[in-house]
Amino acid sequence: MNVAIRVDSSRAIGTGHVMRCLALARCLRDHHCNVMFVCQELEGNIIPAITKEGFICHTFQLAAGSGEEDDARSFSATLAGRSFQPDWVIVDQYELGEGWEKLAGKGRKVAAIDDLANRRHDCAILIDTSYVQSAEKRYDGLVPDDCKLLLGPRYTMLRHEFAKLRSEVDLPRSGKVESVLVFFGGADATNQTSKVLDVLLPDPHRTYRLRVVVGISNPQAEQIKQRCSEADNCEFHIAPSNFGELMRDSDLMIGAGGTTTWERCVLGIPSIVITVAANQEVSSQTMGDEGLALYLGRDSEVSAELLLCAVTTAVNNPWLLRHFSRSSAEVVDGLGSLRVVRALMAPQIELRRAVLDDVARTHQWRNSALVRRISVESGEIPFEHHRSWFLAALKDPNRILLIGERSGVPVGVLRFDVKGPTASVSIYLDPQHTKSGIGPVLLQAGIKWVREYASEISWIYATILEENIPSQRLFRDAGFLRMSSDYRLEVRR
């Protein structure tokens, strides 16, 4: 599969868009996809970081005042005549929307990455990792009816190292603060790093080590480096290759919203957050409201007194930091890039209600050795017993029996047993398709079906055997949380 990624970076835009697209590109490459970047040459860009990773990056320039049609034409001209022709176009640019996607996506599938929900899209997949209430409603009327929505922090595209680093951290963290990490993104256009240093370096009560990280696009890097070198117990790092390890080994972090928010969550780092861009505010406010971080507000609103008070409060209240650590680590697990790649590569699944003609095939699937091994009732079921059960299930108003089809061929079954506002779910596949990647697609299709056609259901839960590790992973990847012996998913708020 060929994938072209349209994304920019600059001192004004920052580096976060490119960094998350790079994380996705690495995961695509790991799944044997060919990836090419297309970027504008803007001041302060990090295009060398893309090519350093071994990806081809084609560039173009636009005159001031150019619109999305000019951008789309330049993008298409960049691809014209090349042997590389993308199956998917991924666009991560806030100024590009429906008009760009219609022109640049001709003959190709388009996936749009958005955080703002402020413009229409013409795309097959939309990815928005914002942490907000009623996320799906944000895109009502903004995307085609058949657009697949990948919403919430579980789709955050992070470097694969963070999932590994998570396994090296004892969660929740202890709440004891011996080191504080300061990082405000690759560019830090509003120079929040210096503002934090103005507050913390002179603090006579500071007992912790400061670790200050800046990106290669930070125009204040040299001045910040000099200040750190003159201060006691203060480290300076510029675009460190071991940034993940620095985060893992820090006890508190002060920084902006954006991609680094989710890196902090994966590692369960208690955080003090100051937003520096409009697209960061909704998620940061929701995280603050729900007790996942200490959110102080927009950079222009945060005074030196408020920042010092927040740091002092955090350092002196280990119980508060343990709470932040536990709550934030439950939101993101570091596997978002993999989920997006699966969505891009996923086979198309259609759901329909089961009919009597399905009784023989579902009996065969259910009695396969593989399905019986992972079932609560592992014995072989006689056909007449299955047929009686199947007929009763078709008539039962509290039982929803769905068949998943790929290109018109039945491949699996979903059953929802409804009781009030909850429903238990059971899933199994035609044994011929167990390694085809259909399982996650079928489960997601079932969740979407419940949201659309079963308004009485607010929660879905699944009972999974302890030894059934693949099913546990399947439901975790679908957003289910383990609660006692069950896995549960809230489908409505």
Protein backbone atom coordinates (compact mmCIF):
# COMPACT_ATOMS: atom_id res chain seq x y z
CA MET A 1 0.00 0.00 0.00
CA ASN A 2 1.30 3.47 -0.92
CA VAL A 3 0.60 6.40 1.39
CA ALA A 4 1.30 10.11 0.80
CA ILE A 5 1.26 12.42 3.83
CA ARG A 6 0.64 16.15 3.40
CA VAL A 7 1.86 17.98 6.51
CA ASP A 8 3.80 21.14 7.42
CA SER A 9 6.01 22.46 10.21
CA SER A 10 7.38 25.92 10.93
CA ARG A 11 8.11 28.30 13.77
CA ALA A 12 4.50 29.47 13.59
CA ILE A 13 2.87 26.05 13.12
CA GLY A 14 5.17 24.13 15.44
CA THR A 15 6.45 20.60 15.02
CA GLY A 16 3.64 18.51 16.52
CA HIS A 17 1.86 17.77 13.22
CA VAL A 18 5.01 16.36 11.64
CA MET A 19 5.94 14.38 14.75
CA ARG A 20 2.61 12.56 14.93
CA CYS A 21 2.66 11.91 11.19
CA LEU A 22 6.19 10.51 11.55
CA ALA A 23 4.95 8.15 14.25
CA LEU A 24 2.19 6.98 11.92
CA ALA A 25 4.63 6.68 9.00
CA ARG A 26 6.96 4.44 11.02
CA CYS A 27 4.06 2.16 11.92
CA LEU A 28 2.93 2.05 8.27
CA ARG A 29 6.46 1.13 7.21
CA ASP A 30 6.53 -1.63 9.83
CA HIS A 31 3.41 -3.01 8.09
CA HIS A 32 5.19 -3.02 4.70
CA CYS A 33 3.60 0.17 3.37
CA ASN A 34 5.46 2.72 1.23
CA VAL A 35 5.26 6.25 2.64
CA MET A 36 6.11 9.60 1.08
CA PHE A 37 5.81 13.07 2.65
CA VAL A 38 4.84 16.27 0.83
CA CYS A 39 5.58 19.54 2.68
CA GLN A 40 5.80 23.24 2.10
CA GLU A 41 9.21 24.81 2.64
CA LEU A 42 8.39 27.13 5.52
CA GLU A 43 10.71 29.01 7.85
CA GLY A 44 11.70 26.86 10.81
CA ASN A 45 10.55 23.57 9.27
CA ILE A 46 11.83 20.17 10.43
CA ILE A 47 11.91 18.47 7.04
CA PRO A 48 15.43 17.11 7.86
CA ALA A 49 13.82 15.11 10.70
CA ILE A 50 11.61 13.40 8.10
CA THR A 51 14.44 12.49 5.74
CA LYS A 52 16.64 11.42 8.67
CA GLU A 53 14.03 8.73 9.36
CA GLY A 54 14.54 7.40 5.83
CA PHE A 55 11.35 8.80 4.28
CA ILE A 56 11.26 10.63 0.94
CA CYS A 57 9.95 14.17 1.33
CA HIS A 58 9.00 16.28 -1.69
CA THR A 59 8.65 20.00 -1.12
CA PHE A 60 6.95 22.95 -2.80
CA GLN A 61 6.43 26.64 -2.14
CA LEU A 62 3.30 28.77 -2.33
CA ALA A 63 2.96 32.50 -2.75
CA ALA A 64 1.55 34.50 0.15
CA GLY A 65 -2.23 34.48 0.14
CA SER A 66 -2.56 31.17 -1.71
CA GLY A 67 -5.60 29.05 -0.89
CA GLU A 68 -6.32 25.36 -0.52
CA GLU A 69 -6.95 24.96 -4.28
CA ASP A 70 -3.41 26.24 -4.97
CA ASP A 71 -2.08 23.85 -2.35
CA ALA A 72 -4.01 20.92 -3.87
CA ARG A 73 -2.70 21.71 -7.36
CA SER A 74 0.87 21.88 -6.06
CA PHE A 75 0.39 18.59 -4.22
CA SER A 76 -1.00 16.88 -7.32
CA ALA A 77 1.78 18.32 -9.49
CA THR A 78 4.33 16.88 -7.06
CA LEU A 79 2.87 13.40 -7.59
CA ALA A 80 2.30 13.71 -11.34
CA GLY A 81 4.42 11.41 -13.48
CA ARG A 82 5.95 9.53 -10.57
CA SER A 83 5.91 5.76 -10.26
CA PHE A 84 4.74 6.26 -6.66
CA GLN A 85 0.99 6.79 -6.74
CA PRO A 86 -0.75 6.74 -3.34
CA ASP A 87 -3.65 4.50 -2.39
CA TRP A 88 -4.21 6.76 0.62
CA VAL A 89 -3.60 10.49 1.08
CA ILE A 90 -3.29 11.62 4.69
CA VAL A 91 -3.61 15.34 5.34
CA ASP A 92 -2.71 17.04 8.63
CA GLN A 93 -3.09 20.75 8.02
CA TYR A 94 -5.68 22.98 9.71
CA GLU A 95 -6.06 25.27 6.69
CA LEU A 96 -6.96 22.39 4.35
CA GLY A 97 -10.42 20.87 4.26
CA GLU A 98 -13.13 19.70 1.89
CA GLY A 99 -11.94 21.72 -1.13
CA TRP A 100 -8.38 20.41 -0.89
CA GLU A 101 -9.53 16.85 -0.27
CA LYS A 102 -11.82 16.83 -3.32
CA LEU A 103 -9.03 18.02 -5.62
CA ALA A 104 -6.02 16.22 -4.17
CA GLY A 105 -7.91 13.03 -3.42
CA LYS A 106 -9.22 12.30 -6.92
CA GLY A 107 -8.94 8.56 -7.46
CA ARG A 108 -7.51 8.06 -3.98
CA LYS A 109 -8.82 7.52 -0.48
CA VAL A 110 -8.31 10.44 1.92
CA ALA A 111 -7.76 10.37 5.67
CA ALA A 112 -7.89 13.74 7.45
CA ILE A 113 -6.32 14.50 10.83
CA ASP A 114 -8.18 17.26 12.65
CA ASP A 115 -8.45 18.64 16.20
CA LEU A 116 -10.73 21.61 15.66
CA ALA A 117 -13.95 20.32 14.03
CA ASN A 118 -14.35 23.76 12.42
CA ARG A 119 -14.54 22.88 8.70
CA ARG A 120 -16.09 20.36 6.33
CA HIS A 121 -14.16 17.33 5.09
CA ASP A 122 -14.51 15.01 2.10
CA CYS A 123 -12.66 12.00 3.48
CA ALA A 124 -13.04 8.27 4.08
CA ILE A 125 -11.45 8.40 7.54
CA LEU A 126 -11.24 11.27 10.01
CA ILE A 127 -8.87 11.11 12.99
CA ASP A 128 -9.36 13.46 15.94
CA THR A 129 -7.52 12.52 19.12
CA SER A 130 -9.06 15.32 21.22
CA TYR A 131 -10.28 14.41 24.70
CA VAL A 132 -13.77 15.92 24.63
CA GLN A 133 -17.30 15.09 25.64
CA SER A 134 -19.62 13.77 22.90
CA ALA A 135 -16.77 13.66 20.38
CA GLU A 136 -18.85 12.20 17.55
CA LYS A 137 -21.35 15.06 17.63
CA ARG A 138 -18.55 17.52 16.79
CA TYR A 139 -18.52 16.21 13.24
CA ASP A 140 -22.26 16.14 12.58
CA GLY A 141 -22.68 17.65 9.11
CA LEU A 142 -18.91 18.05 8.63
CA VAL A 143 -18.05 14.64 7.13
CA PRO A 144 -19.71 12.28 4.63
CA ASP A 145 -22.22 9.82 6.07
CA ASP A 146 -19.93 6.87 5.35
CA CYS A 147 -16.83 8.48 6.86
CA LYS A 148 -15.14 6.31 9.49
CA LEU A 149 -14.47 8.37 12.64
CA LEU A 150 -11.42 7.52 14.75
CA LEU A 151 -12.03 9.70 17.79
CA GLY A 152 -10.34 10.14 21.14
CA PRO A 153 -6.87 9.81 22.69
CA ARG A 154 -6.75 6.05 22.08
CA TYR A 155 -5.95 6.92 18.44
CA THR A 156 -3.10 9.28 19.36
CA MET A 157 -0.16 8.58 17.08
CA LEU A 158 2.94 8.26 19.22
CA ARG A 159 6.37 6.79 18.66
CA HIS A 160 6.32 3.05 19.33
CA GLU A 161 8.94 3.50 22.06
CA PHE A 162 6.31 4.93 24.40
CA ALA A 163 4.38 1.67 24.62
CA LYS A 164 7.65 -0.05 25.57
CA LEU A 165 8.60 2.65 28.07
CA ARG A 166 5.19 2.33 29.70
CA SER A 167 6.03 -1.26 30.64
CA GLU A 168 9.10 0.02 32.48
CA VAL A 169 7.14 2.39 34.75
CA ASP A 170 5.41 1.45 38.00
CA LEU A 171 1.93 2.95 37.73
CA PRO A 172 0.61 4.94 39.37
CA ARG A 173 3.73 6.91 40.20
CA SER A 174 4.65 7.52 43.82
CA GLY A 175 3.92 11.25 43.82
CA LYS A 176 7.36 12.10 45.21
CA VAL A 177 9.04 14.84 43.15
CA GLU A 178 12.80 14.69 42.66
CA SER A 179 12.89 15.92 39.06
CA VAL A 180 10.67 18.26 37.03
CA LEU A 181 10.77 18.21 33.22
CA VAL A 182 9.90 21.38 31.27
CA PHE A 183 9.01 21.11 27.57
CA PHE A 184 6.78 23.34 25.42
CA GLY A 185 7.14 21.76 22.01
CA GLY A 186 9.69 21.90 19.26
CA ALA A 187 9.27 25.61 18.46
CA ASP A 188 7.80 27.15 21.66
CA ALA A 189 6.74 30.21 19.68
CA THR A 190 5.52 32.08 22.79
CA ASN A 191 8.70 31.30 24.78
CA GLN A 192 6.94 29.63 27.68
CA THR A 193 10.16 27.83 28.64
CA SER A 194 11.81 31.12 29.62
CA LYS A 195 8.70 32.20 31.54
CA VAL A 196 8.80 28.99 33.57
CA LEU A 197 12.50 29.45 34.27
CA ASP A 198 11.81 33.03 35.42
CA VAL A 199 9.56 31.55 38.10
CA LEU A 200 11.34 28.37 39.15
CA LEU A 201 15.06 29.19 38.99
CA PRO A 202 14.88 31.90 41.71
CA ASP A 203 12.57 29.85 43.96
CA PRO A 204 14.46 29.42 47.27
CA HIS A 205 12.32 26.40 48.17
CA ARG A 206 13.19 24.38 45.07
CA THR A 207 14.53 20.96 46.11
CA TYR A 208 14.07 19.14 42.80
CA ARG A 209 16.24 18.94 39.69
CA LEU A 210 15.00 20.86 36.65
CA ARG A 211 15.27 19.20 33.25
CA VAL A 212 14.72 21.68 30.43
CA VAL A 213 14.12 20.39 26.90
CA VAL A 214 13.79 22.54 23.76
CA GLY A 215 13.39 21.65 20.09
CA ILE A 216 15.66 22.45 17.19
CA SER A 217 13.19 25.09 16.00
CA ASN A 218 13.29 27.06 19.26
CA PRO A 219 14.80 30.50 18.49
CA GLN A 220 15.63 31.04 22.19
CA ALA A 221 17.62 27.82 22.55
CA GLU A 222 21.02 29.43 23.14
CA GLN A 223 19.75 31.89 25.76
CA ILE A 224 17.90 29.10 27.59
CA LYS A 225 21.00 26.91 27.48
CA GLN A 226 23.07 29.71 29.01
CA ARG A 227 20.55 30.26 31.82
CA CYS A 228 20.48 26.56 32.66
CA SER A 229 24.27 26.33 32.73
CA GLU A 230 24.40 29.15 35.30
CA ALA A 231 21.75 27.61 37.58
CA ASP A 232 22.12 24.96 40.24
CA ASN A 233 20.58 21.55 39.75
CA CYS A 234 19.36 22.31 36.20
CA GLU A 235 19.92 20.28 33.01
CA PHE A 236 19.52 21.49 29.42
CA HIS A 237 18.70 19.27 26.42
CA ILE A 238 18.06 20.23 22.81
CA ALA A 239 16.07 17.73 20.73
CA PRO A 240 17.44 14.80 22.76
CA SER A 241 17.30 11.36 21.16
CA ASN A 242 16.43 9.91 24.58
CA PHE A 243 13.49 12.23 25.25
CA GLY A 244 11.25 9.27 26.10
CA GLU A 245 13.69 8.10 28.75
CA LEU A 246 13.89 11.63 30.19
CA MET A 247 10.11 11.63 30.50
CA ARG A 248 10.07 8.15 32.01
CA ASP A 249 12.60 9.20 34.65
CA SER A 250 10.90 12.50 35.61
CA ASP A 251 8.32 12.88 38.38
CA LEU A 252 6.41 15.96 37.20
CA MET A 253 6.17 17.69 33.85
CA ILE A 254 5.30 21.26 32.91
CA GLY A 255 4.31 21.79 29.29
CA ALA A 256 1.78 22.61 26.62
CA GLY A 257 -1.13 20.64 25.24
CA GLY A 258 -0.77 18.83 21.94
CA THR A 259 0.94 15.53 21.18
CA THR A 260 3.17 15.65 24.25
CA THR A 261 0.03 15.58 26.39
CA TRP A 262 -0.57 12.00 25.30
CA GLU A 263 3.07 10.99 25.69
CA ARG A 264 2.79 12.15 29.30
CA CYS A 265 -0.40 10.13 29.74
CA VAL A 266 1.12 6.93 28.37
CA LEU A 267 3.88 7.17 30.98
CA GLY A 268 1.54 8.35 33.74
CA ILE A 269 3.52 11.55 34.36
CA PRO A 270 1.62 14.03 36.54
CA SER A 271 1.43 17.27 34.56
CA ILE A 272 0.92 21.00 34.85
CA VAL A 273 -0.47 22.19 31.53
CA ILE A 274 -0.44 25.63 29.89
CA THR A 275 -1.97 25.79 26.42
CA VAL A 276 -0.22 27.77 23.69
CA ALA A 277 -2.67 27.27 20.80
CA ALA A 278 -6.42 27.22 20.32
CA ASN A 279 -6.51 23.56 19.24
CA GLN A 280 -5.08 22.52 22.62
CA GLU A 281 -7.68 24.20 24.81
CA VAL A 282 -10.68 21.85 24.63
CA SER A 283 -8.72 18.68 25.48
CA SER A 284 -6.68 20.41 28.18
CA GLN A 285 -9.79 21.87 29.81
CA THR A 286 -11.53 18.47 29.76
CA MET A 287 -8.48 16.81 31.28
CA GLY A 288 -8.40 19.44 34.01
CA ASP A 289 -12.12 19.06 34.70
CA GLU A 290 -11.84 15.27 34.93
CA GLY A 291 -8.77 15.24 37.17
CA LEU A 292 -6.16 14.02 34.70
CA ALA A 293 -3.86 17.03 34.97
CA LEU A 294 -3.52 20.45 36.58
CA TYR A 295 -4.62 22.82 33.82
CA LEU A 296 -3.73 26.49 34.37
CA GLY A 297 -5.21 28.02 31.20
CA ARG A 298 -3.96 29.79 28.07
CA ASP A 299 -0.39 31.10 28.17
CA SER A 300 -1.50 34.76 28.17
CA GLU A 301 -3.65 34.12 31.27
CA VAL A 302 -1.05 32.35 33.43
CA SER A 303 0.77 34.65 35.84
CA ALA A 304 4.04 33.93 37.59
CA GLU A 305 2.18 33.73 40.90
CA LEU A 306 -0.28 31.13 39.56
CA LEU A 307 2.50 28.99 38.10
CA LEU A 308 4.55 29.04 41.31
CA CYS A 309 1.47 28.22 43.37
CA ALA A 310 0.65 25.28 41.06
CA VAL A 311 4.17 23.83 41.23
CA THR A 312 4.33 24.24 45.01
CA THR A 313 0.93 22.58 45.41
CA ALA A 314 1.96 19.67 43.19
CA VAL A 315 5.31 19.08 44.87
CA ASN A 316 3.78 19.15 48.37
CA ASN A 317 0.82 16.86 47.64
CA PRO A 318 1.96 13.37 46.56
CA TRP A 319 -1.63 12.06 46.76
CA LEU A 320 -2.67 14.57 44.08
CA LEU A 321 0.13 13.49 41.74
CA ARG A 322 -0.69 9.81 42.29
CA HIS A 323 -4.27 10.60 41.28
CA PHE A 324 -3.13 12.44 38.13
CA SER A 325 -0.80 9.55 37.27
CA ARG A 326 -3.46 6.87 37.68
CA SER A 327 -6.19 8.78 35.83
CA SER A 328 -4.09 9.92 32.87
CA ALA A 329 -2.51 6.50 32.30
CA GLU A 330 -5.98 4.99 31.82
CA VAL A 331 -6.71 7.28 28.85
CA VAL A 332 -3.83 6.44 26.48
CA ASP A 333 -1.85 3.20 26.08
CA GLY A 334 0.58 4.15 23.28
CA LEU A 335 -0.99 1.93 20.58
CA GLY A 336 -2.83 4.67 18.66
CA SER A 337 -0.62 4.49 15.55
CA LEU A 338 -1.33 0.78 15.27
CA ARG A 339 -5.08 1.38 15.51
CA VAL A 340 -4.93 3.97 12.73
CA VAL A 341 -2.85 1.69 10.51
CA ARG A 342 -5.36 -1.11 11.04
CA ALA A 343 -8.16 1.25 10.02
CA LEU A 344 -6.29 2.27 6.85
CA MET A 345 -5.57 -1.34 5.93
CA ALA A 346 -8.84 -2.80 7.18
CA PRO A 347 -11.06 -4.93 4.98
CA GLN A 348 -14.56 -3.55 4.52
CA ILE A 349 -17.15 -5.23 6.73
CA GLU A 350 -20.92 -4.93 6.33
CA LEU A 351 -23.35 -6.00 9.06
CA ARG A 352 -26.81 -7.47 8.59
CA ARG A 353 -29.35 -9.16 10.82
CA ALA A 354 -28.98 -12.94 10.99
CA VAL A 355 -31.54 -15.08 9.15
CA LEU A 356 -32.45 -18.76 9.33
CA ASP A 357 -30.10 -19.57 6.42
CA ASP A 358 -27.18 -18.67 8.74
CA VAL A 359 -27.87 -21.49 11.18
CA ALA A 360 -25.62 -24.12 9.55
CA ARG A 361 -22.60 -21.86 9.06
CA THR A 362 -22.78 -20.38 12.57
CA HIS A 363 -23.04 -23.91 14.00
CA GLN A 364 -19.90 -24.89 12.10
CA TRP A 365 -18.03 -21.77 13.27
CA ARG A 366 -19.14 -22.19 16.89
CA ASN A 367 -18.03 -25.84 17.00
CA SER A 368 -14.57 -25.20 15.58
CA ALA A 369 -11.76 -26.12 17.95
CA LEU A 370 -10.47 -22.54 17.97
CA VAL A 371 -13.80 -20.97 18.99
CA ARG A 372 -14.56 -23.65 21.60
CA ARG A 373 -11.14 -23.10 23.16
CA ILE A 374 -11.91 -19.45 23.92
CA SER A 375 -15.59 -19.90 24.83
CA VAL A 376 -17.00 -19.98 28.36
CA GLU A 377 -18.90 -23.15 27.31
CA SER A 378 -16.21 -25.15 25.56
CA GLY A 379 -18.16 -28.31 24.73
CA GLU A 380 -19.27 -29.24 21.23
CA ILE A 381 -22.92 -28.28 20.59
CA PRO A 382 -25.24 -30.68 18.68
CA PHE A 383 -26.82 -29.17 15.58
CA GLU A 384 -30.43 -29.53 16.83
CA HIS A 385 -29.56 -27.72 20.07
CA HIS A 386 -27.91 -24.92 18.10
CA ARG A 387 -30.85 -24.70 15.68
CA SER A 388 -33.34 -24.41 18.56
CA TRP A 389 -31.22 -21.73 20.20
CA PHE A 390 -30.81 -19.90 16.88
CA LEU A 391 -34.56 -19.85 16.17
CA ALA A 392 -35.25 -18.52 19.68
CA ALA A 393 -32.54 -15.87 19.26
CA LEU A 394 -34.12 -14.58 16.03
CA LYS A 395 -37.45 -14.09 17.85
CA ASP A 396 -36.04 -12.68 21.11
CA PRO A 397 -36.48 -8.86 21.24
CA ASN A 398 -33.64 -8.64 23.78
CA ARG A 399 -31.12 -10.49 21.62
CA ILE A 400 -29.43 -8.91 18.59
CA LEU A 401 -27.75 -11.38 16.24
CA LEU A 402 -25.63 -9.83 13.48
CA ILE A 403 -23.64 -11.39 10.64
CA GLY A 404 -20.53 -9.65 9.33
CA GLU A 405 -19.84 -9.93 5.61
CA ARG A 406 -16.80 -9.13 3.49
CA SER A 407 -17.62 -8.62 -0.19
CA GLY A 408 -20.91 -10.40 0.42
CA VAL A 409 -19.28 -13.45 2.08
CA PRO A 410 -20.21 -14.13 5.75
CA VAL A 411 -17.08 -14.04 7.94
CA GLY A 412 -18.25 -13.72 11.56
CA VAL A 413 -21.07 -13.27 14.03
CA LEU A 414 -21.84 -10.74 16.77
CA ARG A 415 -24.42 -11.27 19.50
CA PHE A 416 -25.72 -8.60 21.86
CA ASP A 417 -27.87 -9.70 24.80
CA VAL A 418 -29.72 -6.61 26.00
CA LYS A 419 -30.78 -6.03 29.58
CA GLY A 420 -31.97 -2.51 30.29
CA PRO A 421 -29.25 0.01 29.36
CA THR A 422 -26.50 -2.65 29.10
CA ALA A 423 -25.71 -5.40 26.61
CA SER A 424 -23.26 -8.28 26.76
CA VAL A 425 -21.40 -8.95 23.52
CA SER A 426 -20.08 -12.19 22.04
CA ILE A 427 -18.01 -12.43 18.87
CA TYR A 428 -16.55 -15.27 16.84
CA LEU A 429 -15.31 -15.70 13.28
CA ASP A 430 -15.31 -18.19 10.50
CA PRO A 431 -12.07 -20.07 11.41
CA GLN A 432 -10.76 -19.40 7.89
CA HIS A 433 -10.60 -15.68 8.73
CA THR A 434 -9.04 -15.69 12.20
CA LYS A 435 -5.73 -14.30 10.93
CA SER A 436 -7.15 -11.90 8.36
CA GLY A 437 -7.43 -8.86 10.67
CA ILE A 438 -11.22 -8.97 10.47
CA GLY A 439 -11.84 -9.42 14.21
CA PRO A 440 -11.15 -5.79 15.24
CA VAL A 441 -13.06 -4.48 12.21
CA LEU A 442 -16.08 -6.65 13.00
CA LEU A 443 -16.13 -5.54 16.65
CA GLN A 444 -15.85 -1.86 15.71
CA ALA A 445 -18.64 -2.29 13.15
CA GLY A 446 -20.80 -3.80 15.90
CA ILE A 447 -20.13 -0.90 18.26
CA LYS A 448 -21.05 1.55 15.50
CA TRP A 449 -24.24 -0.46 14.79
CA VAL A 450 -25.28 -0.24 18.44
CA ARG A 451 -24.71 3.52 18.47
CA GLU A 452 -26.84 3.96 15.36
CA TYR A 453 -29.64 1.44 15.82
CA ALA A 454 -29.88 0.51 19.51
CA SER A 455 -30.42 3.78 21.35
CA GLU A 456 -31.47 1.98 24.53
CA ILE A 457 -27.95 0.58 25.05
CA SER A 458 -25.53 2.79 27.00
CA TRP A 459 -22.92 0.19 28.01
CA ILE A 460 -21.51 -2.90 26.32
CA TYR A 461 -19.63 -5.50 28.32
CA ALA A 462 -17.81 -8.73 27.53
CA THR A 463 -16.86 -11.65 29.80
CA ILE A 464 -13.50 -13.06 28.71
CA LEU A 465 -11.58 -16.04 30.06
CA GLU A 466 -8.32 -15.20 31.85
CA GLU A 467 -6.33 -17.37 29.47
CA ASN A 468 -7.87 -15.77 26.37
CA ILE A 469 -5.18 -13.15 25.86
CA PRO A 470 -6.02 -12.41 22.16
CA SER A 471 -9.64 -11.55 23.03
CA GLN A 472 -8.53 -9.38 25.94
CA ARG A 473 -6.26 -7.48 23.55
CA LEU A 474 -9.07 -7.23 20.98
CA PHE A 475 -11.47 -5.60 23.44
CA ARG A 476 -8.82 -3.31 24.96
CA ASP A 477 -7.92 -2.09 21.48
CA ALA A 478 -11.61 -1.35 20.86
CA GLY A 479 -11.65 0.96 23.90
CA PHE A 480 -13.10 -1.44 26.50
CA LEU A 481 -11.84 -0.98 30.07
CA ARG A 482 -11.37 -3.88 32.42
CA MET A 483 -13.72 -3.73 35.40
CA SER A 484 -13.45 -6.73 37.73
CA SER A 485 -13.96 -9.79 35.51
CA ASP A 486 -15.59 -7.92 32.63
CA TYR A 487 -14.50 -5.52 29.87
CA ARG A 488 -16.84 -2.54 29.52
CA LEU A 489 -17.34 0.22 26.97
CA GLU A 490 -19.58 3.28 27.39
CA VAL A 491 -21.26 3.86 24.04
CA ARG A 492 -23.30 6.86 25.13
CA ARG A 493 -22.73 9.71 27.58
